[in-house]
Amino acid sequence: MVRVCLALVCAFLLSGASLAQPRDVGDQGTLFPTGGREQMHCFPTGTAAVPEICGNFEVRWKLSTLMGEPIANFGLVWSLTGVRILVDKRSQFYNLKSLPPLWPRPRKPASLMLYGLGLFTGENGATLAVDVDTGAPARPDGKVSFNVPGSPDWGRFIISGGSALDHRGMVAHGQTGWCAEKHRSYLTPPQARDEMRRRTKLTHLLVCPRTSANPGFLEGALQSHCETAPKAAWCEKKPEKAETPEKPDLRYGDALDKVTDKPAVQRKHAQLVDAFRREADAACSKELAPVQACLRKSCPDAAGPSEASCKSMPNRPARILGPLLTRSDSGPCNARCQREREEAREEARLERERENDTFRERVAAWDAQWSGLANQCEENKQARAAQHQCFQASERQCNPTGLTARTCLDRRMVHAPTEGAAEAVQARETTDRMRAEQRPKFLD
């Protein structure tokens, strides 16, 4: 009689090994921002009217293994406590309790997607980290965000060192280099497994620039409220106009046309803000150029293969896990059945030998082509870590004001075009288009 059983259960029945071992790998807990549970943290939204939303948050995490592969799961819980609003071209913070009653209960609540790093201390006292991705956008309702556990490769699971460059390719300041994915260094698979066996416990959370926040209905609620109460402190003050005879607006036949033009104005506003952001980004790059040059001069790049060539190198071949199901042939069997079983065992043995030969050939081919470059890249990893430490030591001398790309961009984006400017541009373009259409056209 043929019986089907799971490979792990069969191994347990045959060897008597304990199945509780995987539960002893990894750990679980809760991470808070620097400053603790009550520390408020603000997240940029990319919108002009509400550039930041602020609140308290925590990340619930669990690290484990399944079938010998690492499993990581993270969930976000947060609450909205305040917002930063652009008023008269200046960014001002307001506590949520001081805003109109409609703000805490918008029809479409704000949402947050958090990306970061969970830091912990390794066996030798070194700082290590794992990627933190909290999954789907979370509402500020105290519920855990929806997420699906991920299973990264062992070779890209535990981060052993950040990059000397940030996610934009510029010299990293502080811990921003850890968030750059292209230039990280990782523990080898055996080292990563050893760390997991030590019951890896995350202790600190580093929020990365990939984190995205959406103000939801807050921006629209602000605009609607300021239309009814324009003298509120959080509403942009409009200059008083002298009374003039009303003139018919030739561009709009009725209020319906104005409503129709509203999406076009919003699109124009988004285009203007995007163009202004690109110009501000370029200006910040020029502003940071002396700092970058000073750091490069103080801490030159290490000799050897480039980081791009090291990243393009394929991974060394590894064995693929076998099937989860296996077949038992210990039931009663006649002579013909016994012969078929012997033939099946011999065929399986030959197949394993062929797979082993193929695997050894792949490993030998990889070693012949890539082992030299792999050794050089491993040596350069220490040189890049030394360069990163040199950047941190030279930062005070080369960057006494503490200028960063983020602070520079935030300072310039305060002067980004408003929706009123977009409406004026849209009206001018509409007028020019109407004039062009009214010009007489002659046929040759």
Protein backbone atom coordinates (compact mmCIF):
# COMPACT_ATOMS: atom_id res chain seq x y z
CA MET A 1 0.00 0.00 0.00
CA VAL A 2 1.40 3.40 -1.04
CA ARG A 3 1.23 6.13 1.59
CA VAL A 4 1.86 9.83 1.14
CA CYS A 5 3.36 11.89 3.99
CA LEU A 6 5.10 15.18 4.41
CA ALA A 7 8.90 15.09 4.29
CA LEU A 8 9.24 16.81 7.64
CA VAL A 9 6.84 14.36 9.33
CA CYS A 10 8.69 11.41 7.80
CA ALA A 11 12.00 12.76 9.05
CA PHE A 12 10.52 13.14 12.51
CA LEU A 13 9.17 9.60 12.56
CA LEU A 14 12.42 8.08 11.27
CA SER A 15 14.99 10.03 13.28
CA GLY A 16 13.02 11.16 16.31
CA ALA A 17 14.12 14.77 15.76
CA SER A 18 12.12 17.47 17.54
CA LEU A 19 9.81 19.67 15.46
CA ALA A 20 10.03 22.50 17.99
CA GLN A 21 13.40 23.66 16.71
CA PRO A 22 12.05 26.13 14.04
CA ARG A 23 10.03 27.87 16.76
CA ASP A 24 13.28 28.71 18.58
CA VAL A 25 14.58 30.62 15.54
CA GLY A 26 13.98 34.36 15.29
CA ASP A 27 11.76 36.41 17.58
CA GLN A 28 8.87 38.89 17.60
CA GLY A 29 8.07 42.22 19.20
CA THR A 30 7.16 45.89 18.63
CA LEU A 31 9.34 48.73 17.31
CA PHE A 32 8.82 52.43 18.09
CA PRO A 33 10.39 55.56 16.57
CA THR A 34 13.33 57.22 18.26
CA GLY A 35 11.94 58.78 21.42
CA GLY A 36 9.45 56.05 22.29
CA ARG A 37 5.76 55.31 21.85
CA GLU A 38 4.59 58.89 22.53
CA GLN A 39 7.10 60.53 20.17
CA MET A 40 5.27 62.22 17.29
CA HIS A 41 6.72 61.68 13.81
CA CYS A 42 5.89 63.66 10.65
CA PHE A 43 5.77 62.22 7.13
CA PRO A 44 5.92 64.25 3.86
CA THR A 45 2.91 63.88 1.57
CA GLY A 46 4.14 65.60 -1.59
CA THR A 47 1.08 67.87 -1.70
CA ALA A 48 1.25 71.66 -1.54
CA ALA A 49 -1.65 72.45 0.82
CA VAL A 50 -0.84 69.72 3.40
CA PRO A 51 2.89 68.98 3.00
CA GLU A 52 3.11 66.76 6.12
CA ILE A 53 0.91 64.61 8.33
CA CYS A 54 2.08 63.72 11.83
CA GLY A 55 1.22 61.05 14.35
CA ASN A 56 2.28 58.28 16.70
CA PHE A 57 3.06 54.84 15.29
CA GLU A 58 4.48 51.43 16.08
CA VAL A 59 5.63 48.50 13.94
CA ARG A 60 4.83 44.95 15.04
CA TRP A 61 7.35 42.44 13.71
CA LYS A 62 8.00 38.73 13.61
CA LEU A 63 11.04 36.87 12.23
CA SER A 64 10.99 33.09 11.82
CA THR A 65 11.84 30.31 9.38
CA LEU A 66 9.77 27.86 7.34
CA MET A 67 11.26 24.84 5.58
CA GLY A 68 14.71 26.31 6.18
CA GLU A 69 13.90 29.69 4.58
CA PRO A 70 13.64 33.04 6.45
CA ILE A 71 10.19 34.56 7.01
CA ALA A 72 9.67 38.26 7.88
CA ASN A 73 6.34 39.92 8.63
CA PHE A 74 5.67 43.54 9.67
CA GLY A 75 2.48 45.42 10.52
CA LEU A 76 1.91 49.16 11.09
CA VAL A 77 -0.38 50.70 13.73
CA TRP A 78 -0.65 54.49 13.82
CA SER A 79 -2.83 57.45 14.81
CA LEU A 80 -3.08 60.93 13.28
CA THR A 81 -2.29 63.74 15.76
CA GLY A 82 -1.46 66.79 13.64
CA VAL A 83 -0.82 68.23 10.20
CA ARG A 84 1.48 70.81 8.66
CA ILE A 85 -0.37 73.30 6.46
CA LEU A 86 0.94 75.82 3.95
CA VAL A 87 -0.45 79.24 4.98
CA ASP A 88 0.67 82.41 3.21
CA LYS A 89 3.66 80.57 1.70
CA ARG A 90 4.82 79.40 5.13
CA SER A 91 4.52 75.92 6.58
CA GLN A 92 2.81 75.86 9.99
CA PHE A 93 1.97 72.93 12.27
CA TYR A 94 -1.51 72.50 13.76
CA ASN A 95 -2.64 69.94 16.31
CA LEU A 96 -5.59 67.93 15.04
CA LYS A 97 -7.69 69.02 18.02
CA SER A 98 -7.35 72.69 17.03
CA LEU A 99 -8.74 72.15 13.53
CA PRO A 100 -12.41 72.09 12.45
CA PRO A 101 -14.49 69.10 13.62
CA LEU A 102 -14.70 67.71 10.08
CA TRP A 103 -10.96 67.06 9.95
CA PRO A 104 -10.68 64.12 12.42
CA ARG A 105 -13.42 62.24 10.53
CA PRO A 106 -12.80 62.74 6.80
CA ARG A 107 -14.60 60.58 4.27
CA LYS A 108 -11.27 59.27 3.01
CA PRO A 109 -8.84 59.08 5.95
CA ALA A 110 -5.14 59.70 5.58
CA SER A 111 -2.98 56.64 4.90
CA LEU A 112 0.64 55.66 5.51
CA MET A 113 2.98 53.08 3.94
CA LEU A 114 6.14 52.71 6.03
CA TYR A 115 9.45 51.42 4.73
CA GLY A 116 12.52 51.28 6.93
CA LEU A 117 15.10 49.13 8.68
CA GLY A 118 14.89 47.17 11.90
CA LEU A 119 18.28 47.44 13.61
CA PHE A 120 19.83 45.01 16.10
CA THR A 121 23.25 44.13 17.50
CA GLY A 122 25.03 41.07 16.09
CA GLU A 123 27.10 38.46 17.85
CA ASN A 124 30.33 40.50 17.67
CA GLY A 125 28.70 43.82 18.61
CA ALA A 126 28.26 44.93 14.98
CA THR A 127 25.12 46.82 13.91
CA LEU A 128 22.90 44.68 11.66
CA ALA A 129 19.51 45.31 10.09
CA VAL A 130 16.61 43.78 8.15
CA ASP A 131 14.23 45.46 5.70
CA VAL A 132 10.90 46.63 7.17
CA ASP A 133 7.89 46.82 4.80
CA THR A 134 4.52 47.25 6.53
CA GLY A 135 2.48 46.25 3.46
CA ALA A 136 -0.74 47.92 2.32
CA PRO A 137 -1.48 51.58 3.22
CA ALA A 138 -2.71 51.79 6.82
CA ARG A 139 -5.41 54.13 8.08
CA PRO A 140 -4.93 55.94 11.41
CA ASP A 141 -7.54 53.81 13.14
CA GLY A 142 -5.38 51.73 15.51
CA LYS A 143 -5.67 48.59 13.38
CA VAL A 144 -2.69 46.62 12.08
CA SER A 145 -1.96 47.12 8.39
CA PHE A 146 -2.60 44.21 6.02
CA ASN A 147 0.61 42.46 4.97
CA VAL A 148 1.75 39.13 3.54
CA PRO A 149 4.89 37.55 5.09
CA GLY A 150 7.93 37.73 2.82
CA SER A 151 10.70 35.18 2.34
CA PRO A 152 13.93 36.81 1.07
CA ASP A 153 17.06 34.85 0.13
CA TRP A 154 19.43 34.13 2.99
CA GLY A 155 22.15 36.02 1.10
CA ARG A 156 20.03 39.22 1.04
CA PHE A 157 18.26 38.91 4.37
CA ILE A 158 20.45 40.50 7.07
CA ILE A 159 22.17 43.78 6.16
CA SER A 160 25.68 44.06 7.58
CA GLY A 161 26.59 47.56 6.39
CA GLY A 162 25.12 50.65 4.78
CA SER A 163 26.37 52.44 1.71
CA ALA A 164 28.56 55.50 1.48
CA LEU A 165 25.93 56.86 -0.93
CA ASP A 166 22.25 57.58 -0.35
CA HIS A 167 19.33 56.49 -2.58
CA ARG A 168 20.07 59.42 -4.95
CA GLY A 169 23.73 58.44 -5.41
CA MET A 170 25.03 61.30 -3.26
CA VAL A 171 27.25 61.01 -0.18
CA ALA A 172 25.15 59.72 2.69
CA HIS A 173 24.88 61.65 5.94
CA GLY A 174 24.31 59.81 9.22
CA GLN A 175 22.26 56.65 8.76
CA THR A 176 20.74 57.55 5.38
CA GLY A 177 23.23 55.27 3.61
CA TRP A 178 21.60 52.23 5.21
CA CYS A 179 18.39 52.95 3.26
CA ALA A 180 20.14 52.77 -0.15
CA GLU A 181 19.43 49.29 -1.54
CA LYS A 182 21.98 49.28 -4.39
CA HIS A 183 25.12 49.61 -2.29
CA ARG A 184 24.40 47.50 0.78
CA SER A 185 26.47 44.65 2.14
CA TYR A 186 24.83 41.50 3.51
CA LEU A 187 25.80 38.62 5.76
CA THR A 188 26.56 35.39 3.98
CA PRO A 189 23.84 32.70 4.22
CA PRO A 190 25.69 30.73 6.97
CA GLN A 191 26.22 33.92 8.99
CA ALA A 192 22.57 34.95 8.57
CA ARG A 193 21.40 31.52 9.77
CA ASP A 194 23.66 31.77 12.82
CA GLU A 195 22.16 35.16 13.70
CA MET A 196 18.64 33.76 13.43
CA ARG A 197 19.57 30.86 15.71
CA ARG A 198 20.61 33.47 18.28
CA ARG A 199 16.94 34.58 18.35
CA THR A 200 17.33 37.84 16.42
CA LYS A 201 15.59 40.65 18.33
CA LEU A 202 15.07 44.02 16.62
CA THR A 203 15.71 46.98 18.94
CA HIS A 204 15.60 50.18 16.84
CA LEU A 205 13.61 51.44 13.85
CA LEU A 206 15.06 53.59 11.06
CA VAL A 207 12.44 55.20 8.76
CA CYS A 208 13.63 55.38 5.13
CA PRO A 209 12.74 57.94 2.41
CA ARG A 210 10.61 55.36 0.55
CA THR A 211 7.94 55.86 3.22
CA SER A 212 4.88 57.48 1.63
CA ALA A 213 1.96 59.31 3.24
CA ASN A 214 -1.33 60.42 1.70
CA PRO A 215 -3.40 63.22 3.32
CA GLY A 216 -6.57 61.69 1.90
CA PHE A 217 -9.57 63.99 2.24
CA LEU A 218 -7.73 66.47 4.50
CA GLU A 219 -6.64 68.75 1.65
CA GLY A 220 -10.15 68.92 0.19
CA ALA A 221 -11.65 69.42 3.65
CA LEU A 222 -9.29 72.35 4.26
CA GLN A 223 -10.25 73.99 0.97
CA SER A 224 -13.99 73.52 1.60
CA HIS A 225 -13.75 74.94 5.11
CA CYS A 226 -11.71 77.98 3.99
CA GLU A 227 -14.37 78.78 1.40
CA THR A 228 -16.96 79.14 4.19
CA ALA A 229 -14.61 80.55 6.87
CA PRO A 230 -11.80 82.37 5.00
CA LYS A 231 -10.64 84.23 8.15
CA ALA A 232 -9.59 81.04 9.97
CA ALA A 233 -5.95 80.94 11.10
CA TRP A 234 -5.17 77.98 8.84
CA CYS A 235 -6.62 79.58 5.70
CA GLU A 236 -4.49 81.53 3.25
CA LYS A 237 -5.14 85.26 3.55
CA LYS A 238 -6.29 86.79 0.26
CA PRO A 239 -5.69 90.49 -0.43
CA GLU A 240 -8.77 92.64 -0.33
CA LYS A 241 -9.82 93.86 -3.76
CA ALA A 242 -11.39 97.23 -4.48
CA GLU A 243 -14.99 97.07 -5.51
CA THR A 244 -15.25 97.07 -9.29
CA PRO A 245 -18.20 96.57 -11.54
CA GLU A 246 -18.74 92.92 -12.19
CA LYS A 247 -17.77 91.85 -15.67
CA PRO A 248 -19.10 88.78 -17.31
CA ASP A 249 -16.58 85.95 -17.39
CA LEU A 250 -16.49 85.03 -21.05
CA ARG A 251 -14.58 81.80 -20.41
CA TYR A 252 -17.40 80.33 -18.36
CA GLY A 253 -20.94 80.16 -19.53
CA ASP A 254 -22.20 79.06 -16.11
CA ALA A 255 -21.08 77.43 -12.87
CA LEU A 256 -21.04 74.02 -14.54
CA ASP A 257 -18.15 75.14 -16.76
CA LYS A 258 -16.15 76.16 -13.67
CA VAL A 259 -16.69 72.76 -12.12
CA THR A 260 -15.59 71.17 -15.40
CA ASP A 261 -12.39 73.28 -15.43
CA LYS A 262 -11.47 72.30 -11.84
CA PRO A 263 -9.73 68.98 -12.77
CA ALA A 264 -7.74 70.80 -15.47
CA VAL A 265 -6.56 73.35 -12.89
CA GLN A 266 -5.56 70.55 -10.52
CA ARG A 267 -3.60 68.81 -13.27
CA LYS A 268 -1.90 72.07 -14.16
CA HIS A 269 -1.06 72.62 -10.48
CA ALA A 270 0.49 69.15 -10.25
CA GLN A 271 2.57 69.84 -13.37
CA LEU A 272 3.81 73.18 -12.00
CA VAL A 273 4.72 71.66 -8.62
CA ASP A 274 6.50 68.76 -10.33
CA ALA A 275 8.51 71.12 -12.54
CA PHE A 276 9.33 73.32 -9.54
CA ARG A 277 10.46 70.22 -7.59
CA ARG A 278 12.80 69.17 -10.41
CA GLU A 279 14.32 72.65 -10.53
CA ALA A 280 14.67 72.70 -6.74
CA ASP A 281 16.27 69.26 -6.81
CA ALA A 282 18.82 70.43 -9.38
CA ALA A 283 19.52 73.60 -7.38
CA CYS A 284 20.04 71.52 -4.22
CA SER A 285 22.49 69.28 -6.08
CA LYS A 286 24.52 72.36 -7.01
CA GLU A 287 24.26 73.65 -3.45
CA LEU A 288 25.53 70.34 -2.07
CA ALA A 289 28.29 69.99 -4.68
CA PRO A 290 31.01 71.69 -2.52
CA VAL A 291 30.13 69.40 0.38
CA GLN A 292 30.31 66.33 -1.88
CA ALA A 293 33.65 67.46 -3.32
CA CYS A 294 35.11 68.03 0.15
CA LEU A 295 33.99 64.60 1.36
CA ARG A 296 35.33 62.90 -1.79
CA LYS A 297 38.66 64.67 -1.33
CA SER A 298 38.91 63.68 2.34
CA CYS A 299 37.72 60.11 1.72
CA PRO A 300 38.68 58.92 -1.79
CA ASP A 301 37.02 55.88 -3.34
CA ALA A 302 38.69 52.53 -2.74
CA ALA A 303 40.60 50.90 -5.60
CA GLY A 304 39.20 47.76 -7.15
CA PRO A 305 36.03 46.72 -8.96
CA SER A 306 33.13 49.15 -9.01
CA GLU A 307 30.02 48.63 -6.93
CA ALA A 308 27.96 48.16 -10.10
CA SER A 309 30.15 45.26 -11.31
CA CYS A 310 29.91 43.61 -7.89
CA LYS A 311 26.10 43.93 -7.90
CA SER A 312 25.84 42.53 -11.45
CA MET A 313 27.71 39.36 -10.46
CA PRO A 314 25.29 36.38 -10.25
CA ASN A 315 24.94 34.45 -7.01
CA ARG A 316 26.94 31.30 -6.53
CA PRO A 317 24.83 28.23 -7.45
CA ALA A 318 22.93 26.72 -4.53
CA ARG A 319 20.98 23.52 -4.20
CA ILE A 320 17.22 23.73 -4.65
CA LEU A 321 15.00 22.27 -1.94
CA GLY A 322 13.53 18.87 -2.78
CA PRO A 323 9.80 18.10 -3.04
CA LEU A 324 7.65 18.42 0.04
CA LEU A 325 6.02 15.00 -0.51
CA THR A 326 7.73 11.63 -0.55
CA ARG A 327 6.47 8.08 -1.07
CA SER A 328 6.74 5.16 1.30
CA ASP A 329 7.10 1.65 -0.21
CA SER A 330 7.07 -0.37 3.02
CA GLY A 331 3.65 -1.92 2.42
CA PRO A 332 3.01 -5.54 1.30
CA CYS A 333 4.26 -6.31 -2.21
CA ASN A 334 4.62 -9.37 -4.49
CA ALA A 335 7.69 -10.31 -6.57
CA ARG A 336 6.73 -8.09 -9.52
CA CYS A 337 6.13 -5.18 -7.18
CA GLN A 338 9.52 -5.76 -5.58
CA ARG A 339 11.24 -5.62 -8.99
CA GLU A 340 9.44 -2.37 -9.84
CA ARG A 341 10.52 -0.90 -6.52
CA GLU A 342 14.14 -1.88 -7.12
CA GLU A 343 14.03 -0.34 -10.58
CA ALA A 344 12.49 2.85 -9.17
CA ARG A 345 15.16 3.08 -6.46
CA GLU A 346 17.93 2.58 -9.03
CA GLU A 347 16.40 5.21 -11.32
CA ALA A 348 16.15 7.65 -8.40
CA ARG A 349 19.79 6.97 -7.45
CA LEU A 350 20.97 7.63 -11.00
CA GLU A 351 18.90 10.81 -11.16
CA ARG A 352 20.49 12.06 -7.93
CA GLU A 353 23.95 11.33 -9.31
CA ARG A 354 23.15 13.25 -12.50
CA GLU A 355 21.85 16.19 -10.46
CA ASN A 356 24.99 16.14 -8.27
CA ASP A 357 27.25 16.08 -11.34
CA THR A 358 25.34 18.95 -12.92
CA PHE A 359 25.49 20.96 -9.70
CA ARG A 360 29.25 20.41 -9.35
CA GLU A 361 29.75 21.52 -12.95
CA ARG A 362 27.75 24.71 -12.34
CA VAL A 363 29.73 25.49 -9.18
CA ALA A 364 33.04 24.85 -10.97
CA ALA A 365 32.01 27.08 -13.89
CA TRP A 366 30.96 29.86 -11.49
CA ASP A 367 34.22 29.60 -9.53
CA ALA A 368 36.25 29.74 -12.73
CA GLN A 369 34.46 32.87 -13.97
CA TRP A 370 33.51 34.80 -10.83
CA SER A 371 35.56 33.67 -7.82
CA GLY A 372 38.31 36.24 -8.45
CA LEU A 373 35.84 39.12 -8.72
CA ALA A 374 33.93 37.83 -5.68
CA ASN A 375 37.10 37.91 -3.56
CA GLN A 376 37.92 41.43 -4.73
CA CYS A 377 34.39 42.60 -3.95
CA GLU A 378 34.61 41.09 -0.47
CA GLU A 379 37.87 42.95 0.13
CA ASN A 380 36.32 46.18 -1.17
CA LYS A 381 33.42 45.76 1.25
CA GLN A 382 35.73 46.55 4.17
CA ALA A 383 37.23 49.47 2.27
CA ARG A 384 33.72 50.89 1.61
CA ALA A 385 32.87 50.53 5.30
CA ALA A 386 36.06 52.43 6.18
CA GLN A 387 35.13 55.12 3.64
CA HIS A 388 31.68 55.42 5.20
CA GLN A 389 33.26 55.95 8.64
CA CYS A 390 35.58 58.53 7.10
CA PHE A 391 32.55 60.38 5.67
CA GLN A 392 30.97 60.52 9.12
CA ALA A 393 34.21 61.78 10.69
CA SER A 394 34.69 64.46 7.99
CA GLU A 395 31.06 65.59 7.89
CA ARG A 396 31.45 68.29 10.53
CA GLN A 397 34.42 69.82 8.71
CA CYS A 398 32.94 69.60 5.20
CA ASN A 399 29.33 70.33 6.15
CA PRO A 400 29.32 72.60 9.24
CA THR A 401 25.72 73.72 8.67
CA GLY A 402 24.39 70.16 8.47
CA LEU A 403 22.90 70.73 5.03
CA THR A 404 21.16 67.69 3.53
CA ALA A 405 19.25 67.12 0.31
CA ARG A 406 16.02 66.75 2.30
CA THR A 407 16.34 70.01 4.27
CA CYS A 408 17.41 71.89 1.14
CA LEU A 409 14.43 70.58 -0.85
CA ASP A 410 11.96 71.30 1.97
CA ARG A 411 13.25 74.88 2.24
CA ARG A 412 12.76 75.48 -1.47
CA MET A 413 9.39 73.70 -1.80
CA VAL A 414 7.82 76.23 0.57
CA HIS A 415 7.83 78.59 -2.44
CA ALA A 416 6.22 76.06 -4.80
CA PRO A 417 3.38 77.34 -7.04
CA THR A 418 -0.04 77.45 -5.38
CA GLU A 419 -3.31 76.34 -6.90
CA GLY A 420 -4.16 80.00 -7.46
CA ALA A 421 -1.08 80.36 -9.65
CA ALA A 422 -2.09 77.23 -11.54
CA GLU A 423 -5.57 78.69 -12.11
CA ALA A 424 -4.02 81.89 -13.50
CA VAL A 425 -1.79 79.90 -15.87
CA GLN A 426 -4.75 77.79 -16.97
CA ALA A 427 -6.84 80.91 -17.65
CA ARG A 428 -4.02 82.51 -19.65
CA GLU A 429 -3.53 79.37 -21.74
CA THR A 430 -7.28 79.15 -22.35
CA THR A 431 -7.41 82.79 -23.48
CA ASP A 432 -4.44 82.34 -25.82
CA ARG A 433 -6.00 79.21 -27.29
CA MET A 434 -9.31 80.97 -27.89
CA ARG A 435 -7.54 83.86 -29.61
CA ALA A 436 -5.63 81.47 -31.84
CA GLU A 437 -8.84 79.69 -32.81
CA GLN A 438 -10.53 83.01 -33.70
CA ARG A 439 -7.78 84.16 -36.08
CA PRO A 440 -8.87 84.11 -39.79
CA LYS A 441 -7.51 81.22 -41.76
CA PHE A 442 -6.92 81.55 -45.49
CA LEU A 443 -6.53 78.81 -48.00
CA ASP A 444 -3.66 79.01 -50.47
